[in-house]
């Protein structure tokens, strides 16, 4: 990893892609095990977990912008809504950790721009215990996987031509 860069590295993206492939293949046990190994790794500073989490959160924001439009980026007033499979809206204030941390991180990326927010995330999960960091990254990867499979909302074309 490139410790001098505040953003993510190719290695972060490769690891994130590997985790995403596990989620897409419904290999939940393998995904959890791989995230556990990543969190336990102390081979570099910052730990590899930070960059991978930043990559996943940035990718969630990128997919949201791709599906919903560029006006999501840089907007302080982005309202993220989560619905259950049955269509019921989830009260975001009732979300416990780690889900609320993932939502806040994505909202930060959308509000501040990807590169600024990746730096702002800093050491991810600082103060969280090992299990909370594991749950937070697994939740983020699963959200990205579901978001990639979700259809884009019916919106008017935004192309300038």
Protein backbone atom coordinates (compact mmCIF):
# COMPACT_ATOMS: atom_id res chain seq x y z
CA UNK A 1 0.00 0.00 0.00
CA UNK A 2 1.06 3.55 -0.58
CA UNK A 3 1.07 4.95 2.96
CA UNK A 4 1.78 8.49 1.73
CA UNK A 5 -1.50 8.76 -0.20
CA UNK A 6 -4.60 9.80 1.75
CA UNK A 7 -6.83 8.15 -0.87
CA UNK A 8 -7.18 4.54 -1.80
CA UNK A 9 -4.69 2.42 -3.70
CA UNK A 10 -4.98 -0.18 -6.41
CA UNK A 11 -4.51 -2.82 -3.74
CA UNK A 12 -7.48 -1.41 -1.81
CA UNK A 13 -9.61 -1.67 -4.95
CA UNK A 14 -8.39 -5.20 -5.68
CA UNK A 15 -9.22 -6.35 -2.16
CA UNK A 16 -12.55 -4.52 -2.28
CA UNK A 17 -13.33 -6.18 -5.61
CA UNK A 18 -12.47 -9.57 -4.15
CA UNK A 19 -14.83 -8.95 -1.20
CA UNK A 20 -17.51 -7.78 -3.61
CA UNK A 21 -17.12 -10.97 -5.67
CA UNK A 22 -17.63 -13.01 -2.50
CA UNK A 23 -20.80 -11.03 -1.70
CA UNK A 24 -22.08 -11.43 -5.26
CA UNK A 25 -21.46 -15.17 -5.08
CA UNK A 26 -23.45 -15.45 -1.84
CA UNK A 27 -20.31 -16.63 -0.07
CA UNK A 28 -21.23 -14.89 3.17
CA UNK A 29 -19.05 -17.08 5.40
CA UNK A 30 -16.04 -16.55 3.13
CA UNK A 31 -16.74 -12.80 2.99
CA UNK A 32 -16.86 -12.56 6.77
CA UNK A 33 -13.68 -14.63 7.10
CA UNK A 34 -11.82 -12.50 4.51
CA UNK A 35 -12.89 -9.27 6.25
CA UNK A 36 -11.78 -10.72 9.59
CA UNK A 37 -8.32 -11.48 8.18
CA UNK A 38 -8.14 -7.97 6.70
CA UNK A 39 -9.07 -6.32 10.01
CA UNK A 40 -6.59 -8.47 11.90
CA UNK A 41 -3.73 -7.54 9.54
CA UNK A 42 -1.23 -5.17 11.07
CA UNK A 43 1.28 -5.30 8.20
CA UNK A 44 0.99 -1.63 7.31
CA UNK A 45 0.11 1.76 8.71
CA UNK A 46 -2.64 2.72 8.24
CA UNK A 47 -4.01 -0.82 8.33
CA UNK A 48 -5.31 -2.15 5.00
CA UNK A 49 -8.86 -2.14 6.38
CA UNK A 50 -9.02 1.68 6.19
CA UNK A 51 -8.30 1.94 2.49
CA UNK A 52 -10.61 -0.92 1.56
CA UNK A 53 -13.47 0.61 3.56
CA UNK A 54 -12.83 3.97 1.85
CA UNK A 55 -12.89 2.24 -1.55
CA UNK A 56 -16.19 0.47 -0.80
CA UNK A 57 -17.83 3.66 0.53
CA UNK A 58 -16.54 5.67 -2.43
CA UNK A 59 -17.85 3.00 -4.80
CA UNK A 60 -21.29 3.11 -3.16
CA UNK A 61 -21.36 6.87 -3.68
CA UNK A 62 -20.18 6.51 -7.29
CA UNK A 63 -22.91 3.97 -8.07
CA UNK A 64 -25.56 6.18 -6.45
CA UNK A 65 -24.42 9.12 -8.59
CA UNK A 66 -24.36 6.93 -11.68
CA UNK A 67 -27.89 5.67 -11.08
CA UNK A 68 -29.49 8.85 -9.71
CA UNK A 69 -27.59 11.69 -11.34
CA UNK A 70 -24.61 13.97 -10.77
CA UNK A 71 -26.58 16.42 -8.64
CA UNK A 72 -26.13 14.02 -5.71
CA UNK A 73 -22.44 14.90 -5.61
CA UNK A 74 -21.58 17.94 -3.49
CA UNK A 75 -25.06 18.29 -2.04
CA UNK A 76 -25.23 18.86 1.70
CA UNK A 77 -28.92 18.02 1.60
CA UNK A 78 -28.73 14.45 0.32
CA UNK A 79 -31.37 12.34 2.01
CA UNK A 80 -30.62 8.64 1.94
CA UNK A 81 -33.63 6.41 2.40
CA UNK A 82 -33.41 2.72 3.17
CA UNK A 83 -36.35 0.43 2.58
CA UNK A 84 -36.92 -3.13 3.65
CA UNK A 85 -37.48 -5.83 1.06
CA UNK A 86 -41.21 -5.29 1.70
CA UNK A 87 -40.88 -1.59 0.82
CA UNK A 88 -41.20 -0.16 4.33
CA UNK A 89 -38.96 2.84 5.05
CA UNK A 90 -36.34 2.34 7.75
CA UNK A 91 -35.94 5.14 10.29
CA UNK A 92 -32.26 6.04 9.85
CA UNK A 93 -31.99 7.40 13.37
CA UNK A 94 -32.88 3.94 14.63
CA UNK A 95 -30.00 2.28 12.81
CA UNK A 96 -27.42 0.90 15.17
CA UNK A 97 -23.71 0.64 14.51
CA UNK A 98 -22.32 -0.40 12.10
CA UNK A 99 -25.13 0.41 9.66
CA UNK A 100 -25.35 4.04 10.76
CA UNK A 101 -21.59 4.51 10.29
CA UNK A 102 -21.79 3.20 6.74
CA UNK A 103 -24.70 5.54 5.94
CA UNK A 104 -22.87 8.53 7.44
CA UNK A 105 -19.71 7.71 5.50
CA UNK A 106 -21.61 7.50 2.20
CA UNK A 107 -23.42 10.78 2.95
CA UNK A 108 -20.03 12.41 3.72
CA UNK A 109 -18.62 11.21 0.39
CA UNK A 110 -21.65 12.56 -1.48
CA UNK A 111 -21.60 15.89 0.35
CA UNK A 112 -17.88 16.55 0.23
CA UNK A 113 -16.70 15.00 -2.97
CA UNK A 114 -14.99 11.66 -3.14
CA UNK A 115 -11.35 12.65 -2.60
CA UNK A 116 -12.07 15.10 0.24
CA UNK A 117 -14.37 12.66 2.02
CA UNK A 118 -11.93 9.77 1.69
CA UNK A 119 -9.39 11.86 3.54
CA UNK A 120 -12.05 12.98 6.03
CA UNK A 121 -12.89 9.35 6.86
CA UNK A 122 -9.38 9.08 8.25
CA UNK A 123 -8.66 5.95 10.21
CA UNK A 124 -11.94 4.12 9.86
CA UNK A 125 -13.57 2.68 12.91
CA UNK A 126 -11.17 4.37 15.30
CA UNK A 127 -12.43 3.48 18.74
CA UNK A 128 -14.58 0.61 17.44
CA UNK A 129 -13.91 -2.90 18.56
CA UNK A 130 -12.84 -5.63 16.15
CA UNK A 131 -16.36 -7.06 15.70
CA UNK A 132 -17.89 -3.63 14.96
CA UNK A 133 -15.26 -2.96 12.28
CA UNK A 134 -15.95 -6.39 10.79
CA UNK A 135 -19.70 -5.75 10.73
CA UNK A 136 -19.24 -2.27 9.28
CA UNK A 137 -17.14 -3.45 6.33
CA UNK A 138 -19.34 -6.49 5.66
CA UNK A 139 -22.45 -4.25 5.68
CA UNK A 140 -20.81 -1.81 3.28
CA UNK A 141 -19.78 -4.58 0.86
CA UNK A 142 -23.25 -6.14 0.96
CA UNK A 143 -24.86 -2.74 0.34
CA UNK A 144 -22.59 -2.14 -2.67
CA UNK A 145 -23.44 -5.58 -4.04
CA UNK A 146 -27.20 -4.98 -3.74
CA UNK A 147 -26.89 -1.47 -5.15
CA UNK A 148 -25.04 -2.71 -8.23
CA UNK A 149 -27.89 -5.16 -8.90
CA UNK A 150 -30.66 -2.63 -8.28
CA UNK A 151 -32.31 -0.98 -11.27
CA UNK A 152 -31.82 2.74 -11.73
CA UNK A 153 -34.92 4.76 -10.86
CA UNK A 154 -37.07 6.00 -13.73
CA UNK A 155 -35.71 9.47 -14.25
CA UNK A 156 -35.61 11.75 -17.29
CA UNK A 157 -32.48 11.57 -19.40
CA UNK A 158 -29.76 13.90 -18.24
CA UNK A 159 -27.54 13.77 -21.27
CA UNK A 160 -26.57 17.20 -22.61
CA UNK A 161 -26.94 16.18 -26.25
